[in-house]
Amino acid sequence: MRATPSGYRGTPPHRTIAVLAAFLAVLAGLLSVSATAAADTAAPPARAAAAGSFRNPLNTGPDPFMTHWNGAYYLTTTQGGSIRMWRSPSLGTLLAADPVTVWTDTDASRNRNIWAPEFYRFGDRWYLYYTADDGVDDHHRLYVLESDRDDPAGPYHFKAKLTPPNHANDFAIDAGILQLDGRLYLAYSGINQYQHNGLNIAPMSNPYTVSGDAVAINAPGGCPEVREGPEFLYRNGRTWMTYSTCDTGKPDYQIWMMSLPSGADPLVPGNWTQHSGPVFSRADDRGVCGPGHHAFFRSPDGTEDWILYHAKTTSTYTYSNRTTRAQKFTWKADGSPEFGRPLALGATQNLPSGDPGSGNYWINDDGRSSGDGTVSYTGAWNSGTGCATQCFWSDDHWSDRVGNTATFSFTGTRIALLSVRDTGNGIAALSMDGGPEQRIDFHGAVRTGETLQYLGPRLSYGRHTLRIRVTGEHNAQSGASFVSVDRAEIYTD
Protein backbone atom coordinates (compact mmCIF):
# COMPACT_ATOMS: atom_id res chain seq x y z
CA MET A 1 0.00 0.00 0.00
CA ARG A 2 1.27 3.42 -0.86
CA ALA A 3 2.02 5.73 2.09
CA THR A 4 -0.16 8.80 2.45
CA PRO A 5 1.84 11.95 1.60
CA SER A 6 2.57 14.33 4.46
CA GLY A 7 -0.26 16.83 4.96
CA TYR A 8 -2.86 14.76 2.93
CA ARG A 9 -6.29 15.24 4.44
CA GLY A 10 -7.95 12.11 3.01
CA THR A 11 -9.44 9.20 5.06
CA PRO A 12 -6.79 7.11 6.76
CA PRO A 13 -6.43 3.54 5.44
CA HIS A 14 -7.75 1.86 8.61
CA ARG A 15 -10.89 3.98 8.48
CA THR A 16 -11.43 3.00 4.84
CA ILE A 17 -11.22 -0.66 5.74
CA ALA A 18 -13.62 -0.22 8.64
CA VAL A 19 -16.17 1.63 6.51
CA LEU A 20 -15.85 -0.98 3.77
CA ALA A 21 -16.37 -3.76 6.29
CA ALA A 22 -19.46 -2.05 7.65
CA PHE A 23 -20.82 -1.57 4.14
CA LEU A 24 -20.25 -5.22 3.31
CA ALA A 25 -22.02 -6.25 6.50
CA VAL A 26 -25.05 -4.13 5.61
CA LEU A 27 -25.02 -5.49 2.07
CA ALA A 28 -24.86 -9.05 3.38
CA GLY A 29 -27.81 -8.35 5.60
CA LEU A 30 -29.79 -6.91 2.73
CA LEU A 31 -28.95 -9.91 0.57
CA SER A 32 -30.04 -12.20 3.37
CA VAL A 33 -33.37 -10.41 3.73
CA SER A 34 -33.82 -10.48 -0.03
CA ALA A 35 -33.08 -14.19 -0.16
CA THR A 36 -35.53 -14.86 2.67
CA ALA A 37 -38.22 -12.86 0.93
CA ALA A 38 -37.54 -14.67 -2.33
CA ALA A 39 -37.83 -18.00 -0.54
CA ASP A 40 -41.12 -16.94 1.00
CA THR A 41 -42.58 -16.03 -2.41
CA ALA A 42 -40.87 -18.69 -4.53
CA ALA A 43 -42.92 -20.55 -7.13
CA PRO A 44 -43.79 -24.21 -6.52
CA PRO A 45 -41.21 -26.77 -7.60
CA ALA A 46 -40.66 -26.82 -11.35
CA ARG A 47 -43.07 -29.22 -13.03
CA ALA A 48 -41.91 -32.09 -15.15
CA ALA A 49 -41.48 -31.34 -18.83
CA ALA A 50 -44.66 -31.99 -20.80
CA ALA A 51 -44.72 -35.65 -21.75
CA GLY A 52 -44.92 -36.53 -25.42
CA SER A 53 -46.84 -39.75 -24.84
CA PHE A 54 -50.15 -41.01 -23.46
CA ARG A 55 -51.97 -44.20 -22.51
CA ASN A 56 -55.55 -45.32 -23.03
CA PRO A 57 -58.30 -45.22 -21.88
CA LEU A 58 -59.34 -41.64 -22.62
CA ASN A 59 -62.76 -42.09 -21.04
CA THR A 60 -64.78 -44.77 -19.26
CA GLY A 61 -67.79 -44.46 -21.59
CA PRO A 62 -68.66 -46.13 -24.94
CA ASP A 63 -69.69 -44.78 -28.36
CA PRO A 64 -67.11 -41.97 -28.50
CA PHE A 65 -66.98 -38.98 -30.80
CA MET A 66 -64.29 -36.29 -30.72
CA THR A 67 -62.92 -33.32 -32.59
CA HIS A 68 -60.03 -30.93 -32.05
CA TRP A 69 -61.09 -27.33 -32.32
CA ASN A 70 -59.62 -23.99 -31.26
CA GLY A 71 -56.79 -25.52 -29.23
CA ALA A 72 -58.68 -28.28 -27.42
CA TYR A 73 -60.09 -31.77 -27.83
CA TYR A 74 -63.84 -32.13 -27.28
CA LEU A 75 -65.14 -35.61 -26.50
CA THR A 76 -68.58 -37.12 -25.97
CA THR A 77 -69.53 -40.69 -25.02
CA THR A 78 -72.83 -42.39 -24.23
CA GLN A 79 -73.97 -41.45 -20.71
CA GLY A 80 -77.61 -42.57 -20.77
CA GLY A 81 -79.55 -39.78 -19.08
CA SER A 82 -77.79 -36.72 -20.48
CA ILE A 83 -75.13 -35.57 -22.93
CA ARG A 84 -71.82 -34.74 -21.33
CA MET A 85 -68.68 -33.37 -22.93
CA TRP A 86 -65.04 -33.50 -21.88
CA ARG A 87 -62.59 -30.79 -22.94
CA SER A 88 -58.79 -30.94 -22.71
CA PRO A 89 -55.83 -29.25 -24.42
CA SER A 90 -54.02 -32.61 -24.55
CA LEU A 91 -55.15 -36.11 -25.37
CA GLY A 92 -53.16 -37.30 -22.37
CA THR A 93 -55.34 -35.49 -19.85
CA LEU A 94 -58.82 -36.33 -21.17
CA LEU A 95 -59.32 -39.10 -18.60
CA ALA A 96 -58.76 -36.57 -15.81
CA ALA A 97 -60.87 -33.81 -17.40
CA ASP A 98 -64.08 -32.78 -15.65
CA PRO A 99 -67.24 -33.22 -17.76
CA VAL A 100 -69.73 -30.51 -18.62
CA THR A 101 -73.37 -31.49 -19.05
CA VAL A 102 -74.42 -29.90 -22.34
CA TRP A 103 -77.93 -31.36 -22.61
CA THR A 104 -80.75 -32.77 -20.53
CA ASP A 105 -84.37 -33.01 -21.59
CA THR A 106 -87.72 -32.84 -19.81
CA ASP A 107 -89.67 -34.23 -22.77
CA ALA A 108 -90.60 -37.74 -21.63
CA SER A 109 -90.67 -39.04 -25.20
CA ARG A 110 -86.91 -38.48 -25.64
CA ASN A 111 -85.17 -38.15 -22.28
CA ARG A 112 -84.20 -41.78 -21.68
CA ASN A 113 -81.41 -43.99 -23.03
CA ILE A 114 -79.58 -41.13 -24.71
CA TRP A 115 -76.92 -42.72 -26.92
CA ALA A 116 -74.05 -41.96 -29.29
CA PRO A 117 -73.90 -38.14 -29.46
CA GLU A 118 -71.93 -36.62 -32.35
CA PHE A 119 -71.33 -32.93 -33.07
CA TYR A 120 -70.39 -31.06 -36.27
CA ARG A 121 -69.74 -27.41 -37.11
CA PHE A 122 -71.73 -25.90 -39.96
CA GLY A 123 -71.29 -22.16 -40.42
CA ASP A 124 -70.82 -20.57 -37.02
CA ARG A 125 -73.02 -23.06 -35.16
CA TRP A 126 -72.56 -26.60 -33.86
CA TYR A 127 -75.13 -29.34 -34.40
CA LEU A 128 -75.26 -32.20 -31.94
CA TYR A 129 -76.91 -35.41 -33.16
CA TYR A 130 -78.05 -38.12 -30.75
CA THR A 131 -80.44 -41.01 -30.12
CA ALA A 132 -83.03 -41.17 -27.33
CA ASP A 133 -86.25 -42.91 -26.34
CA ASP A 134 -89.01 -42.92 -23.72
CA GLY A 135 -87.66 -45.94 -21.89
CA VAL A 136 -88.61 -48.47 -24.57
CA ASP A 137 -85.66 -49.49 -26.74
CA ASP A 138 -87.68 -49.88 -29.91
CA HIS A 139 -88.81 -46.26 -29.55
CA HIS A 140 -85.30 -44.91 -30.17
CA ARG A 141 -85.34 -42.01 -32.64
CA LEU A 142 -82.82 -39.47 -33.94
CA TYR A 143 -82.67 -35.84 -32.80
CA VAL A 144 -80.47 -32.80 -33.36
CA LEU A 145 -79.57 -29.81 -31.17
CA GLU A 146 -78.23 -26.43 -32.30
CA SER A 147 -75.69 -24.39 -30.34
CA ASP A 148 -76.47 -20.85 -29.25
CA ARG A 149 -72.95 -19.74 -30.12
CA ASP A 150 -69.82 -20.95 -31.88
CA ASP A 151 -68.77 -23.39 -29.17
CA PRO A 152 -68.96 -27.21 -29.29
CA ALA A 153 -69.76 -27.23 -25.56
CA GLY A 154 -72.89 -25.17 -26.16
CA PRO A 155 -75.22 -24.11 -24.70
CA TYR A 156 -77.62 -25.96 -27.00
CA HIS A 157 -81.32 -25.77 -27.75
CA PHE A 158 -83.51 -28.47 -29.25
CA LYS A 159 -83.76 -28.13 -33.01
CA ALA A 160 -85.51 -31.08 -34.65
CA LYS A 161 -86.40 -34.73 -34.86
CA LEU A 162 -84.77 -36.40 -37.86
CA THR A 163 -87.23 -38.65 -39.69
CA PRO A 164 -86.92 -39.85 -43.29
CA PRO A 165 -90.48 -39.97 -44.69
CA ASN A 166 -90.31 -43.68 -45.44
CA HIS A 167 -89.18 -44.48 -41.88
CA ALA A 168 -91.03 -41.81 -39.90
CA ASN A 169 -92.10 -44.17 -37.13
CA ASP A 170 -89.23 -46.66 -37.20
CA PHE A 171 -86.43 -47.49 -34.80
CA ALA A 172 -83.28 -45.43 -35.58
CA ILE A 173 -79.92 -44.93 -33.83
CA ASP A 174 -76.32 -43.77 -34.44
CA ALA A 175 -76.54 -40.72 -36.67
CA GLY A 176 -73.46 -39.89 -38.74
CA ILE A 177 -73.26 -36.99 -41.19
CA LEU A 178 -71.95 -37.56 -44.72
CA GLN A 179 -70.63 -34.36 -46.36
CA LEU A 180 -70.21 -34.70 -50.11
CA ASP A 181 -69.95 -32.14 -52.92
CA GLY A 182 -71.51 -29.41 -50.80
CA ARG A 183 -74.45 -31.58 -49.75
CA LEU A 184 -75.34 -33.24 -46.45
CA TYR A 185 -76.69 -36.73 -45.90
CA LEU A 186 -77.93 -38.46 -42.77
CA ALA A 187 -76.44 -41.93 -42.33
CA TYR A 188 -77.79 -44.03 -39.49
CA SER A 189 -78.64 -47.50 -38.25
CA GLY A 190 -82.28 -48.50 -38.40
CA ILE A 191 -84.90 -50.79 -39.78
CA ASN A 192 -84.56 -51.87 -43.40
CA GLN A 193 -85.01 -55.03 -45.42
CA TYR A 194 -81.59 -56.32 -44.36
CA GLN A 195 -81.48 -55.83 -40.56
CA HIS A 196 -83.42 -54.31 -37.70
CA ASN A 197 -80.21 -52.32 -37.21
CA GLY A 198 -79.20 -51.80 -40.84
CA LEU A 199 -77.41 -48.98 -42.66
CA ASN A 200 -79.53 -46.24 -44.20
CA ILE A 201 -78.67 -42.94 -45.93
CA ALA A 202 -81.09 -40.04 -46.48
CA PRO A 203 -80.63 -36.60 -48.09
CA MET A 204 -80.68 -33.42 -45.99
CA SER A 205 -81.51 -29.88 -47.09
CA ASN A 206 -79.72 -28.37 -44.09
CA PRO A 207 -78.10 -29.67 -40.87
CA TYR A 208 -81.48 -30.22 -39.19
CA THR A 209 -83.87 -31.26 -41.99
CA VAL A 210 -84.17 -34.63 -43.73
CA SER A 211 -85.42 -33.88 -47.24
CA GLY A 212 -86.12 -37.31 -48.71
CA ASP A 213 -86.53 -41.02 -48.20
CA ALA A 214 -83.75 -43.14 -46.74
CA VAL A 215 -82.00 -45.67 -48.95
CA ALA A 216 -80.97 -49.02 -47.49
CA ILE A 217 -77.38 -50.20 -47.92
CA ASN A 218 -76.81 -53.96 -47.92
CA ALA A 219 -73.61 -54.06 -45.87
CA PRO A 220 -71.76 -57.33 -45.10
CA GLY A 221 -70.41 -57.79 -41.61
CA GLY A 222 -69.42 -61.33 -40.75
CA CYS A 223 -72.41 -61.77 -38.44
CA PRO A 224 -76.16 -61.25 -38.79
CA GLU A 225 -76.99 -58.89 -35.95
CA VAL A 226 -76.28 -55.23 -36.66
CA ARG A 227 -74.73 -52.66 -38.95
CA GLU A 228 -74.33 -49.46 -36.95
CA GLY A 229 -72.27 -46.36 -36.21
CA PRO A 230 -71.49 -45.24 -39.80
CA GLU A 231 -68.52 -42.84 -40.08
CA PHE A 232 -66.79 -41.24 -43.05
CA LEU A 233 -63.30 -40.48 -44.36
CA TYR A 234 -62.58 -38.41 -47.47
CA ARG A 235 -59.31 -39.01 -49.29
CA ASN A 236 -57.66 -40.17 -52.50
CA GLY A 237 -60.70 -39.50 -54.66
CA ARG A 238 -63.04 -41.67 -52.61
CA THR A 239 -65.38 -41.47 -49.65
CA TRP A 240 -64.83 -44.28 -47.18
CA MET A 241 -67.76 -45.39 -45.04
CA THR A 242 -66.81 -47.48 -42.04
CA TYR A 243 -69.35 -49.13 -39.75
CA SER A 244 -69.56 -51.52 -36.82
CA THR A 245 -71.01 -55.02 -37.02
CA CYS A 246 -72.13 -57.77 -34.62
CA ASP A 247 -73.66 -57.23 -31.20
CA THR A 248 -71.55 -54.73 -29.24
CA GLY A 249 -71.82 -57.01 -26.19
CA LYS A 250 -69.87 -59.70 -28.03
CA PRO A 251 -66.06 -59.84 -28.26
CA ASP A 252 -66.39 -60.04 -32.06
CA TYR A 253 -67.85 -56.56 -32.44
CA GLN A 254 -65.72 -55.12 -35.28
CA ILE A 255 -65.39 -52.55 -38.05
CA TRP A 256 -66.06 -53.09 -41.76
CA MET A 257 -65.73 -50.68 -44.69
CA MET A 258 -67.02 -49.73 -48.14
CA SER A 259 -66.16 -46.86 -50.47
CA LEU A 260 -67.73 -44.47 -52.97
CA PRO A 261 -65.85 -42.96 -55.95
CA SER A 262 -65.69 -39.20 -56.41
CA GLY A 263 -68.77 -37.79 -58.08
CA ALA A 264 -70.95 -40.85 -57.43
CA ASP A 265 -74.39 -40.53 -55.87
CA PRO A 266 -74.35 -41.97 -52.31
CA LEU A 267 -78.10 -42.66 -52.56
CA VAL A 268 -77.52 -45.31 -55.22
CA PRO A 269 -76.59 -48.47 -53.28
CA GLY A 270 -74.75 -49.96 -56.25
CA ASN A 271 -72.24 -47.11 -56.20
CA TRP A 272 -70.76 -48.38 -52.97
CA THR A 273 -67.92 -50.90 -53.23
CA GLN A 274 -67.45 -53.32 -50.35
CA HIS A 275 -64.04 -53.98 -48.82
CA SER A 276 -63.45 -57.66 -48.12
CA GLY A 277 -63.48 -58.61 -44.45
CA PRO A 278 -63.15 -56.55 -41.26
CA VAL A 279 -60.67 -53.66 -41.14
CA PHE A 280 -60.44 -53.47 -37.33
CA SER A 281 -61.22 -56.37 -35.00
CA ARG A 282 -60.39 -58.12 -31.73
CA ALA A 283 -56.78 -58.73 -30.71
CA ASP A 284 -56.83 -61.40 -28.01
CA ASP A 285 -53.05 -61.40 -27.64
CA ARG A 286 -53.33 -57.77 -26.57
CA GLY A 287 -56.40 -58.21 -24.41
CA VAL A 288 -58.66 -56.21 -26.74
CA CYS A 289 -62.20 -57.43 -27.44
CA GLY A 290 -65.08 -55.84 -29.32
CA PRO A 291 -63.36 -52.78 -30.85
CA GLY A 292 -65.89 -50.62 -32.67
CA HIS A 293 -68.39 -47.77 -32.60
CA HIS A 294 -65.66 -45.45 -33.71
CA ALA A 295 -65.02 -41.97 -35.02
CA PHE A 296 -62.11 -40.16 -36.66
CA PHE A 297 -60.18 -37.01 -35.80
CA ARG A 298 -57.12 -35.17 -37.05
CA SER A 299 -54.06 -34.26 -35.02
CA PRO A 300 -53.92 -30.61 -33.87
CA ASP A 301 -51.57 -29.68 -36.73
CA GLY A 302 -53.69 -31.57 -39.29
CA THR A 303 -50.92 -33.94 -40.39
CA GLU A 304 -52.12 -37.20 -38.80
CA ASP A 305 -55.28 -39.30 -38.89
CA TRP A 306 -56.55 -41.00 -35.72
CA ILE A 307 -59.28 -43.49 -34.96
CA LEU A 308 -61.31 -43.21 -31.77
CA TYR A 309 -63.24 -46.30 -30.62
CA HIS A 310 -64.50 -48.28 -27.67
CA ALA A 311 -63.34 -51.77 -26.70
CA LYS A 312 -63.32 -54.17 -23.73
CA THR A 313 -60.71 -56.15 -21.80
CA THR A 314 -62.89 -59.24 -21.52
CA SER A 315 -64.23 -61.79 -24.00
CA THR A 316 -67.34 -62.26 -21.84
CA TYR A 317 -70.64 -61.19 -23.39
CA THR A 318 -71.24 -57.88 -21.63
CA TYR A 319 -72.08 -54.27 -22.36
CA SER A 320 -70.00 -53.03 -19.42
CA ASN A 321 -66.32 -52.03 -19.47
CA ARG A 322 -66.52 -50.48 -22.95
CA THR A 323 -63.87 -47.77 -22.64
CA THR A 324 -62.81 -45.07 -25.09
CA ARG A 325 -59.42 -45.44 -26.77
CA ALA A 326 -57.47 -43.80 -29.60
CA GLN A 327 -54.61 -44.69 -31.92
CA LYS A 328 -53.07 -43.33 -35.10
CA PHE A 329 -53.71 -44.92 -38.49
CA THR A 330 -52.09 -44.58 -41.91
CA TRP A 331 -52.97 -45.03 -45.58
CA LYS A 332 -52.10 -47.81 -48.01
CA ALA A 333 -50.57 -47.40 -51.44
CA ASP A 334 -53.98 -48.14 -53.03
CA GLY A 335 -55.46 -45.13 -51.21
CA SER A 336 -57.42 -47.03 -48.57
CA PRO A 337 -57.01 -46.50 -44.81
CA GLU A 338 -54.80 -48.89 -42.85
CA PHE A 339 -56.12 -49.11 -39.29
CA GLY A 340 -53.76 -51.84 -38.12
CA ARG A 341 -54.61 -53.80 -34.97
CA PRO A 342 -56.00 -52.47 -31.70
CA LEU A 343 -53.26 -51.68 -29.20
CA ALA A 344 -53.28 -53.09 -25.69
CA LEU A 345 -55.00 -50.92 -23.14
CA GLY A 346 -52.25 -48.98 -21.40
CA ALA A 347 -49.76 -49.20 -24.27
CA THR A 348 -47.68 -46.02 -24.37
CA GLN A 349 -48.19 -44.07 -27.61
CA ASN A 350 -46.82 -40.80 -28.95
CA LEU A 351 -49.27 -37.94 -28.67
CA PRO A 352 -50.82 -36.59 -31.87
CA SER A 353 -48.61 -34.19 -33.79
CA GLY A 354 -49.10 -30.66 -32.49
CA ASP A 355 -50.44 -31.82 -29.11
CA PRO A 356 -48.78 -29.60 -26.47
CA GLY A 357 -48.15 -32.55 -24.14
CA SER A 358 -49.61 -33.51 -20.83
CA GLY A 359 -46.80 -34.10 -18.34
CA ASN A 360 -48.57 -37.17 -16.97
CA TYR A 361 -46.71 -40.38 -16.15
CA TRP A 362 -47.34 -43.87 -14.78
CA ILE A 363 -46.41 -45.86 -11.69
CA ASN A 364 -46.54 -49.65 -11.97
CA ASP A 365 -47.45 -51.87 -9.03
CA ASP A 366 -43.88 -53.28 -8.96
CA GLY A 367 -42.38 -49.83 -8.33
CA ARG A 368 -41.33 -48.94 -11.86
CA SER A 369 -42.33 -45.44 -12.89
CA SER A 370 -41.91 -43.14 -15.89
CA GLY A 371 -41.77 -40.12 -13.56
CA ASP A 372 -41.34 -39.05 -9.96
CA GLY A 373 -43.44 -41.78 -8.36
CA THR A 374 -43.11 -44.82 -6.10
CA VAL A 375 -45.29 -47.43 -4.44
CA SER A 376 -44.69 -49.22 -1.13
CA TYR A 377 -46.54 -51.99 0.71
CA THR A 378 -47.16 -53.03 4.29
CA GLY A 379 -48.13 -56.61 5.07
CA ALA A 380 -47.91 -59.62 2.79
CA TRP A 381 -49.24 -59.00 -0.72
CA ASN A 382 -49.54 -61.51 -3.54
CA SER A 383 -47.92 -60.55 -6.82
CA GLY A 384 -47.46 -62.14 -10.21
CA THR A 385 -48.18 -62.13 -13.93
CA GLY A 386 -51.32 -64.25 -13.95
CA CYS A 387 -53.47 -61.34 -15.13
CA ALA A 388 -51.40 -61.16 -18.35
CA THR A 389 -53.02 -58.85 -20.94
CA GLN A 390 -55.57 -57.59 -18.41
CA CYS A 391 -52.84 -55.76 -16.49
CA PHE A 392 -50.37 -52.97 -17.14
CA TRP A 393 -46.94 -54.50 -17.78
CA SER A 394 -48.73 -57.88 -17.35
CA ASP A 395 -48.41 -57.92 -13.56
CA ASP A 396 -50.22 -56.76 -10.44
CA HIS A 397 -50.44 -57.04 -6.63
CA TRP A 398 -53.47 -58.23 -4.65
CA SER A 399 -54.38 -58.89 -1.02
CA ASP A 400 -57.35 -59.72 1.19
CA ARG A 401 -55.47 -59.32 4.49
CA VAL A 402 -57.22 -56.76 6.71
CA GLY A 403 -55.03 -53.73 7.35
CA ASN A 404 -52.55 -54.32 4.54
CA THR A 405 -51.74 -51.11 2.69
CA ALA A 406 -50.29 -49.94 -0.61
CA THR A 407 -49.10 -46.33 -0.74
CA PHE A 408 -48.44 -44.40 -3.95
CA SER A 409 -46.17 -41.37 -3.53
CA PHE A 410 -46.13 -38.97 -6.45
CA THR A 411 -45.38 -35.43 -7.57
CA GLY A 412 -48.30 -33.92 -9.44
CA THR A 413 -51.87 -32.68 -9.15
CA ARG A 414 -54.05 -35.77 -9.57
CA ILE A 415 -53.92 -39.56 -9.51
CA ALA A 416 -56.01 -42.20 -11.26
CA LEU A 417 -55.97 -45.85 -10.18
CA LEU A 418 -56.54 -48.57 -12.78
CA SER A 419 -56.56 -52.26 -11.92
CA VAL A 420 -58.40 -55.55 -12.29
CA ARG A 421 -62.03 -55.49 -11.26
CA ASP A 422 -62.99 -59.04 -10.30
CA THR A 423 -65.79 -61.20 -8.95
CA GLY A 424 -63.70 -61.87 -5.83
CA ASN A 425 -62.73 -58.29 -5.10
CA GLY A 426 -63.81 -56.36 -2.06
CA ILE A 427 -63.83 -52.88 -0.59
CA ALA A 428 -60.76 -50.69 -0.09
CA ALA A 429 -60.38 -47.57 2.04
CA LEU A 430 -58.44 -44.80 0.28
CA SER A 431 -56.85 -41.82 2.00
CA MET A 432 -55.20 -38.86 0.27
CA ASP A 433 -52.36 -37.14 2.13
CA GLY A 434 -53.47 -38.68 5.42
CA GLY A 435 -57.00 -37.29 5.17
CA PRO A 436 -60.34 -39.03 5.73
CA GLU A 437 -60.79 -42.44 4.13
CA GLN A 438 -63.07 -43.00 1.16
CA ARG A 439 -64.45 -46.48 0.55
CA ILE A 440 -64.11 -47.85 -3.00
CA ASP A 441 -65.61 -51.15 -4.17
CA PHE A 442 -63.20 -53.05 -6.44
CA HIS A 443 -65.77 -55.75 -7.25
CA GLY A 444 -67.06 -56.43 -10.73
CA ALA A 445 -69.73 -58.84 -11.96
CA VAL A 446 -67.38 -59.64 -14.86
CA ARG A 447 -63.61 -59.73 -14.51
CA THR A 448 -62.09 -56.81 -16.43
CA GLY A 449 -58.60 -55.37 -16.63
CA GLU A 450 -57.14 -51.89 -16.18
CA THR A 451 -60.49 -50.59 -15.05
CA LEU A 452 -60.61 -47.08 -13.62
CA GLN A 453 -61.25 -47.68 -9.91
CA TYR A 454 -60.61 -44.21 -8.56
CA LEU A 455 -59.93 -40.69 -9.85
CA GLY A 456 -58.55 -38.54 -7.08
CA PRO A 457 -59.40 -34.91 -6.36
CA ARG A 458 -57.50 -32.04 -7.96
CA LEU A 459 -54.60 -31.00 -5.73
CA SER A 460 -52.05 -28.23 -5.67
CA TYR A 461 -48.93 -29.23 -7.53
CA GLY A 462 -46.44 -30.97 -5.23
CA ARG A 463 -45.67 -34.18 -3.42
CA HIS A 464 -48.67 -36.30 -2.37
CA THR A 465 -49.49 -39.76 -1.11
CA LEU A 466 -52.46 -42.04 -1.69
CA ARG A 467 -52.87 -44.94 0.72
CA ILE A 468 -55.01 -47.96 -0.18
CA ARG A 469 -56.07 -50.05 2.82
CA VAL A 470 -57.59 -53.53 2.62
CA THR A 471 -60.75 -53.57 4.75
CA GLY A 472 -61.57 -57.27 4.48
CA GLU A 473 -65.13 -56.34 3.54
CA HIS A 474 -67.08 -56.99 0.35
CA ASN A 475 -70.55 -56.56 -1.05
CA ALA A 476 -73.08 -59.38 -1.10
CA GLN A 477 -72.37 -60.24 -4.75
CA SER A 478 -68.63 -60.67 -4.28
CA GLY A 479 -67.02 -63.97 -3.37
CA ALA A 480 -64.04 -62.52 -1.46
CA SER A 481 -62.40 -59.30 -0.26
CA PHE A 482 -59.32 -58.93 -2.47
CA VAL A 483 -58.03 -55.49 -3.44
CA SER A 484 -56.01 -55.24 -6.66
CA VAL A 485 -53.16 -52.78 -7.30
CA ASP A 486 -51.89 -52.31 -10.86
CA ARG A 487 -51.34 -48.93 -12.57
CA ALA A 488 -51.45 -45.37 -11.27
CA GLU A 489 -51.64 -42.58 -13.83
CA ILE A 490 -50.27 -39.28 -12.50
CA TYR A 491 -51.29 -35.86 -13.83
CA THR A 492 -49.20 -32.73 -13.40
CA ASP A 493 -51.44 -29.98 -14.80
Foldseek 3Di string as FASTA:
>chain_A
DDDDDPPDPDDDPVVVVVVVVVVVVVVVVVVVVVVVVCVVVPDPPDADAFDQKAFDDLAQAFLKEWEDDDQWIWMWFFDWQFTKIFIDNFSRCNHVTDIDTQDADPPLAFRGGKGRWYWDDDDFKIKIKIWGGNPDQFQIFIFIWIAPGNDPSGNTDGDATEAAPVQRRGRWGAWEWDAAPNFIKTWTFADDPQARGFIWIFGAPDPGYGDHHIATANADDPDRHHWGNWEWDDWDQKIKIKTWDDDLLAQFTAIFIWIAGHPDDPRPNVRIGGDPDTQEHADVLQQWGRWDSKYWYAFPVRPWIKIKTWTFSDRHRDPGRTGIDMDTWAADPVGHTRPDYDHHRGDMDGTHPPRSGFSKWKAWQVFDIPDFKGKDKDDDWDKDQPCASLADVSMWIKDQDAFIKMKMKDFAFKKWFFFKAELAAAWKWKDKQPDHTDIWGSHDPHIGGRHTGDIDDTGPGGIIMMMIGQHFGHDPRHPGHMDMGTMMMHGHD
